[in-house]
């Protein structure tokens, strides 16, 4: 698929409103909200908190949004560990240019978080970045930082996540720009 033909994720998962008889409208939640998968994580890994029934052939369905945020947080921690440590690098890896408009996506996340697209991202920055990404992916305000933080707390119950977070925090420079 070429860039010009690509449909950005935020447009793919827009809220669907359909008109019914008598001028009544019925709204259907966005896919990432319906699937409790705020960042539209694709199927493939055996995540904690996956729903017993998977509703989608491409994207995972989680038992709760907190578990969807948990998975997103773990993935983005891994990105940071691999030096994908700016909003631009995170988004370019998460939503590659053959499928999305990386400049638009990263610019949106930067505006929502108050960070530059090329500013160093520390693990403590991830909840706000994840919330902004969920809105761009289609949630459009369905979630708040408290829900993201509950997912982060669940993630930190795993020893490997806590160890990765500590390692990243110890090695993070005071200020760094890529």
Protein backbone atom coordinates (compact mmCIF):
# COMPACT_ATOMS: atom_id res chain seq x y z
CA UNK A 1 0.00 0.00 0.00
CA UNK A 2 1.40 3.40 -0.90
CA UNK A 3 1.33 6.44 1.33
CA UNK A 4 -1.16 8.25 -0.89
CA UNK A 5 -3.62 5.35 -0.71
CA UNK A 6 -3.17 4.75 3.02
CA UNK A 7 -6.04 5.52 5.34
CA UNK A 8 -4.70 6.98 8.59
CA UNK A 9 -5.61 4.96 11.67
CA UNK A 10 -7.50 7.89 13.12
CA UNK A 11 -9.77 7.92 10.06
CA UNK A 12 -10.20 4.14 9.97
CA UNK A 13 -11.64 3.98 13.45
CA UNK A 14 -13.82 7.09 13.48
CA UNK A 15 -17.11 6.89 15.30
CA UNK A 16 -19.78 5.52 13.03
CA UNK A 17 -23.15 7.29 13.16
CA UNK A 18 -26.00 5.99 11.12
CA UNK A 19 -29.46 7.41 10.61
CA UNK A 20 -32.49 5.32 11.43
CA UNK A 21 -36.22 5.90 10.98
CA UNK A 22 -37.69 8.98 12.61
CA UNK A 23 -34.52 11.13 12.61
CA UNK A 24 -33.01 9.07 15.42
CA UNK A 25 -29.29 8.49 15.19
CA UNK A 26 -27.49 5.47 16.55
CA UNK A 27 -23.80 5.71 17.34
CA UNK A 28 -21.38 2.85 17.42
CA UNK A 29 -18.19 3.13 19.48
CA UNK A 30 -14.87 3.27 17.69
CA UNK A 31 -13.14 -0.05 17.15
CA UNK A 32 -10.35 0.64 19.65
CA UNK A 33 -12.94 1.45 22.32
CA UNK A 34 -15.17 -1.56 21.47
CA UNK A 35 -12.13 -3.86 21.64
CA UNK A 36 -10.74 -2.34 24.86
CA UNK A 37 -7.62 -1.85 22.75
CA UNK A 38 -6.91 1.89 22.91
CA UNK A 39 -3.85 1.79 20.60
CA UNK A 40 -5.17 -0.85 18.17
CA UNK A 41 -2.56 -3.48 19.02
CA UNK A 42 -2.58 -6.20 16.39
CA UNK A 43 -3.23 -9.82 17.24
CA UNK A 44 -0.22 -12.05 17.65
CA UNK A 45 1.13 -11.95 21.19
CA UNK A 46 -0.48 -13.77 24.09
CA UNK A 47 -1.06 -10.68 26.25
CA UNK A 48 -2.34 -10.84 29.82
CA UNK A 49 -5.91 -9.64 29.83
CA UNK A 50 -6.89 -10.78 26.34
CA UNK A 51 -10.61 -11.38 26.07
CA UNK A 52 -11.70 -14.98 25.70
CA UNK A 53 -13.51 -14.11 22.47
CA UNK A 54 -11.54 -12.08 19.93
CA UNK A 55 -14.00 -9.84 18.05
CA UNK A 56 -11.66 -8.70 15.29
CA UNK A 57 -9.54 -10.54 12.75
CA UNK A 58 -6.70 -7.97 12.90
CA UNK A 59 -6.74 -6.22 16.28
CA UNK A 60 -6.65 -7.78 19.74
CA UNK A 61 -9.63 -7.55 22.07
CA UNK A 62 -8.81 -7.07 25.75
CA UNK A 63 -10.99 -7.83 28.77
CA UNK A 64 -10.70 -4.19 29.85
CA UNK A 65 -9.15 -0.96 28.58
CA UNK A 66 -6.64 -1.14 31.43
CA UNK A 67 -5.19 -4.34 29.95
CA UNK A 68 -5.03 -2.68 26.53
CA UNK A 69 -3.12 0.22 28.08
CA UNK A 70 -0.90 -2.28 29.93
CA UNK A 71 0.10 -3.91 26.64
CA UNK A 72 0.73 -0.53 24.96
CA UNK A 73 2.91 0.58 27.88
CA UNK A 74 5.01 -2.60 27.72
CA UNK A 75 5.51 -2.20 23.97
CA UNK A 76 6.52 1.45 24.29
CA UNK A 77 8.94 0.66 27.13
CA UNK A 78 10.59 -1.79 24.75
CA UNK A 79 10.81 0.97 22.12
CA UNK A 80 12.55 3.25 24.62
CA UNK A 81 14.99 0.48 25.49
CA UNK A 82 15.84 0.22 21.77
CA UNK A 83 16.48 3.98 21.55
CA UNK A 84 13.20 4.81 19.85
CA UNK A 85 12.99 7.55 22.45
CA UNK A 86 11.25 10.53 20.85
CA UNK A 87 7.60 10.95 19.94
CA UNK A 88 8.55 10.90 16.25
CA UNK A 89 10.54 7.65 16.56
CA UNK A 90 7.82 6.01 18.66
CA UNK A 91 5.08 6.91 16.19
CA UNK A 92 7.18 5.98 13.14
CA UNK A 93 7.68 2.52 14.62
CA UNK A 94 4.09 2.17 15.90
CA UNK A 95 2.36 3.44 12.78
CA UNK A 96 4.82 3.18 9.87
CA UNK A 97 4.63 5.54 6.92
CA UNK A 98 3.42 2.86 4.49
CA UNK A 99 0.20 2.79 6.51
CA UNK A 100 -0.05 6.18 8.23
CA UNK A 101 0.93 9.84 8.06
CA UNK A 102 3.75 9.83 10.63
CA UNK A 103 4.18 13.62 10.63
CA UNK A 104 0.48 14.19 11.33
CA UNK A 105 0.33 11.48 14.00
CA UNK A 106 3.52 12.53 15.80
CA UNK A 107 2.54 16.21 15.58
CA UNK A 108 -0.82 15.45 17.15
CA UNK A 109 0.80 13.53 20.02
CA UNK A 110 3.36 16.30 20.54
CA UNK A 111 0.64 18.97 20.72
CA UNK A 112 -1.44 16.92 23.16
CA UNK A 113 1.55 16.25 25.44
CA UNK A 114 3.32 19.60 25.16
CA UNK A 115 6.53 17.92 24.02
CA UNK A 116 8.51 18.41 20.84
CA UNK A 117 8.37 15.52 18.37
CA UNK A 118 12.17 15.21 18.72
CA UNK A 119 12.42 15.71 22.48
CA UNK A 120 13.76 12.84 24.59
CA UNK A 121 10.97 10.66 26.05
CA UNK A 122 11.49 9.11 29.48
CA UNK A 123 9.38 6.24 30.84
CA UNK A 124 7.48 8.68 33.06
CA UNK A 125 6.29 10.48 29.88
CA UNK A 126 4.63 7.38 28.45
CA UNK A 127 1.17 7.61 30.09
CA UNK A 128 0.46 11.04 28.54
CA UNK A 129 1.87 9.89 25.18
CA UNK A 130 -0.23 6.72 25.26
CA UNK A 131 -3.38 8.71 26.05
CA UNK A 132 -2.72 11.05 23.11
CA UNK A 133 -2.02 8.07 20.83
CA UNK A 134 -5.30 6.44 21.90
CA UNK A 135 -7.18 9.59 20.91
CA UNK A 136 -5.44 9.68 17.53
CA UNK A 137 -6.20 5.99 17.03
CA UNK A 138 -9.89 6.83 17.37
CA UNK A 139 -10.81 6.94 21.07
CA UNK A 140 -11.51 10.68 20.83
CA UNK A 141 -11.66 11.34 24.56
CA UNK A 142 -13.16 7.99 25.62
CA UNK A 143 -10.27 7.52 28.07
CA UNK A 144 -8.46 9.61 30.63
CA UNK A 145 -5.06 9.55 32.31
CA UNK A 146 -6.43 7.69 35.35
CA UNK A 147 -7.36 4.69 33.17
CA UNK A 148 -3.95 4.76 31.48
CA UNK A 149 -2.24 4.88 34.87
CA UNK A 150 -4.24 1.86 36.06
CA UNK A 151 -2.89 -0.04 33.04
CA UNK A 152 0.63 1.11 33.89
CA UNK A 153 0.16 -0.06 37.49
CA UNK A 154 -0.95 -3.49 36.26
CA UNK A 155 2.13 -3.64 34.02
CA UNK A 156 4.44 -2.83 36.95
CA UNK A 157 3.17 -5.90 38.81
CA UNK A 158 5.32 -7.92 36.40
CA UNK A 159 8.91 -8.12 37.58
CA UNK A 160 10.37 -7.76 34.08
CA UNK A 161 8.43 -4.54 33.49
CA UNK A 162 9.53 -3.00 36.77
CA UNK A 163 13.14 -4.00 36.03
CA UNK A 164 12.98 -2.53 32.51
CA UNK A 165 11.47 0.70 33.87
CA UNK A 166 14.17 1.00 36.55
CA UNK A 167 16.92 0.33 34.00
CA UNK A 168 15.56 2.99 31.66
CA UNK A 169 15.14 5.52 34.48
CA UNK A 170 18.72 4.97 35.69
CA UNK A 171 20.15 5.38 32.19
CA UNK A 172 18.01 8.36 31.15
CA UNK A 173 19.92 11.62 30.76
CA UNK A 174 18.61 14.71 32.55
CA UNK A 175 17.82 16.34 29.19
CA UNK A 176 18.43 14.88 25.76
CA UNK A 177 17.32 15.74 22.26
CA UNK A 178 17.63 13.32 19.36
